[in-house]
Amino acid sequence: METSEYVKDLVLAMDNSVNGSYDPITKHFITCNTKWARVGKVVKDEDENEYLIKDVNTDNYIELQALVNGREPIDFVYLPNPFFITGTKIATNNEWTMVSPDLSEKLPLIWLLEVISETGYGKGSAIEKDMNLRLFFLDETDPSQYYTKDHREQVVKPMQKLMAEFLRIIEQNRKYKTVENYTYKTFSRFGVENDKGVLQNVLDANLSGVALEVNLSRYKENCKC
């Protein structure tokens, strides 16, 4: 398998469930890990009933509004699964735009930027290869209504939690060496500035989030032939 397939498998293994308890008086789903929950998103319970997130108090509670009267979540709510894509800036924008005109179907986004630098190892090593990865964890933002603080509270913080879940999945997977360190950068608006000082979107949407740079080392697997 090539690197993007390894990363895709890690993304698919991410846990979108939030465990907690619902208080019908406050309409708070109380939990110690809100993960990447954010205001305005729709979540589901165990019976596929839908709820609109009205407020998030990080790692304390998620305020929910039932979209069908009389429904209350019990032990879990399920967040939108991240959408994974890989490629260069131009290729990713073209492919991601064609997926659907509905942003809710392709956000939050985990984008593995190519080109990927790899280091291979000989027979004497337990390591198959090192992969220097650059990933973006992105969700929609509102440049017309949000101040910088709003971008960071409403979008960047949940995307940091999404990144943390990705790193947790690596930590639990024995096929990979423990990640000792990594670097990440947060940004209120995800784009590039042109020569007139105007911020232009890299992808065809208003996004913000986190950029992660990490070296991922994968162990060799024993041949089962």
Protein backbone atom coordinates (compact mmCIF):
# COMPACT_ATOMS: atom_id res chain seq x y z
CA MET A 1 0.00 0.00 0.00
CA GLU A 2 1.12 3.57 -0.58
CA THR A 3 1.17 6.31 2.00
CA SER A 4 -2.19 7.92 1.22
CA GLU A 5 -3.92 4.55 1.71
CA TYR A 6 -2.27 4.15 5.12
CA VAL A 7 -3.46 7.60 6.15
CA LYS A 8 -6.95 6.97 4.79
CA ASP A 9 -7.21 3.80 6.90
CA LEU A 10 -6.25 5.80 9.99
CA VAL A 11 -8.92 8.41 9.20
CA LEU A 12 -11.56 5.70 8.72
CA ALA A 13 -10.63 4.28 12.14
CA MET A 14 -11.35 7.57 13.92
CA ASP A 15 -14.10 7.38 16.52
CA ASN A 16 -16.92 9.88 15.90
CA SER A 17 -18.94 8.84 18.96
CA VAL A 18 -19.30 11.11 21.99
CA ASN A 19 -20.16 9.33 25.22
CA GLY A 20 -22.17 11.18 27.86
CA SER A 21 -25.55 11.72 29.50
CA TYR A 22 -28.45 13.98 28.52
CA ASP A 23 -30.08 16.49 30.86
CA PRO A 24 -33.60 17.16 29.50
CA ILE A 25 -33.96 20.34 31.59
CA THR A 26 -30.89 22.16 30.27
CA LYS A 27 -30.85 20.19 26.98
CA HIS A 28 -27.15 19.62 27.65
CA PHE A 29 -25.45 16.41 26.58
CA ILE A 30 -22.85 16.25 29.34
CA THR A 31 -19.49 14.78 28.32
CA CYS A 32 -15.82 15.09 29.24
CA ASN A 33 -14.77 14.96 25.57
CA THR A 34 -16.72 17.07 23.08
CA LYS A 35 -14.29 16.05 20.30
CA TRP A 36 -14.89 18.09 17.12
CA ALA A 37 -18.48 19.10 17.94
CA ARG A 38 -19.29 22.65 16.88
CA VAL A 39 -22.26 24.98 16.76
CA GLY A 40 -24.54 24.56 13.76
CA LYS A 41 -23.66 20.95 13.00
CA VAL A 42 -26.17 18.11 13.06
CA VAL A 43 -25.44 15.00 15.15
CA LYS A 44 -27.32 11.72 15.51
CA ASP A 45 -28.10 9.41 18.43
CA GLU A 46 -28.14 5.61 18.58
CA ASP A 47 -31.51 5.52 16.79
CA GLU A 48 -30.47 7.88 13.99
CA ASN A 49 -32.52 10.76 15.45
CA GLU A 50 -31.00 14.11 14.52
CA TYR A 51 -30.10 17.07 16.75
CA LEU A 52 -28.79 20.53 15.97
CA ILE A 53 -25.84 21.69 18.09
CA LYS A 54 -26.76 25.04 19.67
CA ASP A 55 -23.74 25.50 21.92
CA VAL A 56 -20.50 23.75 22.86
CA ASN A 57 -18.68 24.14 26.16
CA THR A 58 -15.46 22.30 25.39
CA ASP A 59 -15.16 19.01 27.28
CA ASN A 60 -18.16 19.90 29.47
CA TYR A 61 -21.34 19.74 27.43
CA ILE A 62 -23.01 20.02 24.04
CA GLU A 63 -26.36 21.82 23.92
CA LEU A 64 -28.74 20.01 21.59
CA GLN A 65 -32.00 20.88 19.88
CA ALA A 66 -34.00 17.84 18.75
CA LEU A 67 -35.06 18.06 15.11
CA VAL A 68 -37.91 15.65 15.88
CA ASN A 69 -40.02 16.44 18.95
CA GLY A 70 -39.94 14.08 21.91
CA ARG A 71 -36.54 12.57 21.18
CA GLU A 72 -33.71 12.46 23.70
CA PRO A 73 -30.24 10.89 23.27
CA ILE A 74 -29.29 8.27 25.84
CA ASP A 75 -25.59 7.46 26.03
CA PHE A 76 -24.02 8.52 22.73
CA VAL A 77 -24.23 11.10 19.98
CA TYR A 78 -22.37 10.70 16.72
CA LEU A 79 -20.54 13.57 15.03
CA PRO A 80 -20.13 13.93 11.25
CA ASN A 81 -17.32 11.69 10.07
CA PRO A 82 -14.36 13.56 8.58
CA PHE A 83 -14.04 13.56 4.80
CA PHE A 84 -10.58 12.47 3.61
CA ILE A 85 -8.88 13.61 0.43
CA THR A 86 -5.31 13.65 -0.83
CA GLY A 87 -3.55 15.53 -3.59
CA THR A 88 -1.92 18.77 -4.65
CA LYS A 89 -3.73 22.08 -4.12
CA ILE A 90 -5.15 22.22 -7.65
CA ALA A 91 -6.11 18.54 -7.86
CA THR A 92 -7.66 18.55 -4.40
CA ASN A 93 -9.74 21.64 -5.10
CA ASN A 94 -11.06 20.16 -8.36
CA GLU A 95 -11.90 16.78 -6.86
CA TRP A 96 -13.31 18.14 -3.59
CA THR A 97 -15.51 20.67 -5.41
CA MET A 98 -17.01 17.95 -7.62
CA VAL A 99 -17.92 15.65 -4.71
CA SER A 100 -21.06 17.61 -3.81
CA PRO A 101 -22.34 21.21 -3.70
CA ASP A 102 -23.44 20.50 -0.12
CA LEU A 103 -20.58 21.35 2.25
CA SER A 104 -22.13 19.25 5.04
CA GLU A 105 -21.35 16.13 2.99
CA LYS A 106 -17.62 16.86 2.81
CA LEU A 107 -16.80 18.62 6.08
CA PRO A 108 -14.95 18.49 8.36
CA LEU A 109 -12.13 17.82 5.92
CA ILE A 110 -8.83 16.02 6.46
CA TRP A 111 -6.54 16.80 3.55
CA LEU A 112 -3.22 15.03 3.01
CA LEU A 113 -1.10 17.39 0.92
CA GLU A 114 1.13 15.87 -1.74
CA VAL A 115 4.08 15.58 -2.48
CA ILE A 116 4.97 13.18 0.38
CA SER A 117 8.58 12.59 1.42
CA GLU A 118 9.38 8.97 2.37
CA THR A 119 12.41 7.09 3.70
CA GLY A 120 12.73 3.37 3.07
CA TYR A 121 14.72 0.81 5.13
CA GLY A 122 16.60 -2.38 4.33
CA LYS A 123 16.06 -5.95 5.57
CA GLY A 124 17.86 -5.38 8.86
CA SER A 125 15.35 -2.80 10.07
CA ALA A 126 11.97 -3.37 11.69
CA ILE A 127 10.73 -0.15 10.07
CA GLU A 128 9.13 -0.35 6.65
CA LYS A 129 9.31 3.38 5.99
CA ASP A 130 9.14 6.86 7.46
CA MET A 131 6.52 9.19 5.99
CA ASN A 132 6.79 12.94 6.40
CA LEU A 133 3.19 14.09 6.29
CA ARG A 134 1.48 17.43 6.08
CA LEU A 135 -2.22 17.28 6.87
CA PHE A 136 -4.90 19.94 7.16
CA PHE A 137 -7.92 19.61 9.46
CA LEU A 138 -10.51 22.06 8.13
CA ASP A 139 -14.09 23.15 8.58
CA GLU A 140 -16.23 26.00 7.29
CA THR A 141 -16.00 29.45 8.81
CA ASP A 142 -17.89 32.73 8.37
CA PRO A 143 -15.58 35.59 7.34
CA SER A 144 -18.47 38.07 7.16
CA GLN A 145 -19.64 37.50 10.75
CA TYR A 146 -16.68 36.12 12.71
CA TYR A 147 -13.94 38.10 14.41
CA THR A 148 -10.58 36.35 14.86
CA LYS A 149 -11.68 35.14 18.31
CA ASP A 150 -14.83 33.63 16.78
CA HIS A 151 -12.88 31.77 14.10
CA ARG A 152 -10.63 30.26 16.76
CA GLU A 153 -13.38 29.38 19.22
CA GLN A 154 -15.95 28.10 16.73
CA VAL A 155 -13.70 26.33 14.21
CA VAL A 156 -10.01 26.15 15.16
CA LYS A 157 -10.61 24.61 18.58
CA PRO A 158 -12.83 21.79 17.21
CA MET A 159 -10.27 21.12 14.48
CA GLN A 160 -7.55 20.84 17.12
CA LYS A 161 -9.72 18.19 18.74
CA LEU A 162 -10.09 16.43 15.38
CA MET A 163 -6.31 16.44 15.01
CA ALA A 164 -5.97 15.03 18.54
CA GLU A 165 -8.28 12.14 17.66
CA PHE A 166 -6.19 11.37 14.56
CA LEU A 167 -3.02 11.28 16.66
CA ARG A 168 -4.77 9.09 19.24
CA ILE A 169 -5.62 6.56 16.52
CA ILE A 170 -1.95 6.41 15.50
CA GLU A 171 -0.95 5.92 19.15
CA GLN A 172 -3.30 2.94 19.49
CA ASN A 173 -2.18 1.27 16.26
CA ARG A 174 0.74 -1.09 16.87
CA LYS A 175 1.68 -1.00 13.21
CA TYR A 176 3.12 2.47 13.81
CA LYS A 177 5.97 3.73 15.94
CA THR A 178 4.92 6.03 18.78
CA VAL A 179 4.88 9.64 17.63
CA GLU A 180 7.36 11.43 19.88
CA ASN A 181 6.75 14.94 18.57
CA TYR A 182 4.89 16.85 15.90
CA THR A 183 4.33 20.44 14.89
CA TYR A 184 1.08 22.17 14.07
CA LYS A 185 -0.10 25.61 13.08
CA THR A 186 -3.53 27.13 13.58
CA PHE A 187 -5.07 29.73 11.32
CA SER A 188 -8.27 31.73 11.52
CA ARG A 189 -8.62 31.87 7.75
CA PHE A 190 -7.20 29.18 5.46
CA GLY A 191 -5.90 30.88 2.34
CA VAL A 192 -3.09 32.70 0.59
CA GLU A 193 -2.57 36.45 0.34
CA ASN A 194 -2.20 37.93 -3.13
CA ASP A 195 -0.04 40.91 -4.11
CA LYS A 196 -2.88 43.31 -3.21
CA GLY A 197 -3.15 41.98 0.32
CA VAL A 198 -6.41 40.11 -0.30
CA LEU A 199 -6.77 36.67 1.24
CA GLN A 200 -7.79 34.12 -1.39
CA ASN A 201 -9.16 30.69 -0.53
CA VAL A 202 -6.99 27.68 -1.34
CA LEU A 203 -10.12 25.54 -1.72
CA ASP A 204 -13.48 26.81 -2.97
CA ALA A 205 -14.94 27.44 0.48
CA ASN A 206 -14.33 29.63 3.51
CA LEU A 207 -12.35 27.35 5.82
CA SER A 208 -10.18 27.50 8.91
CA GLY A 209 -8.46 24.96 11.11
CA VAL A 210 -5.09 23.36 11.77
CA ALA A 211 -2.06 22.26 9.73
CA LEU A 212 -0.17 19.26 11.13
CA GLU A 213 3.34 18.14 10.22
CA VAL A 214 4.28 14.72 11.55
CA ASN A 215 6.74 11.95 10.79
CA LEU A 216 4.92 8.62 10.72
CA SER A 217 6.99 5.44 10.96
CA ARG A 218 5.34 2.16 10.00
CA TYR A 219 6.68 -1.23 11.07
CA LYS A 220 7.16 -4.07 8.62
CA GLU A 221 4.50 -6.75 8.70
CA ASN A 222 5.37 -10.43 8.86
CA CYS A 223 4.73 -12.23 5.61
CA LYS A 224 1.78 -14.61 5.90
CA CYS A 225 2.29 -16.33 2.56
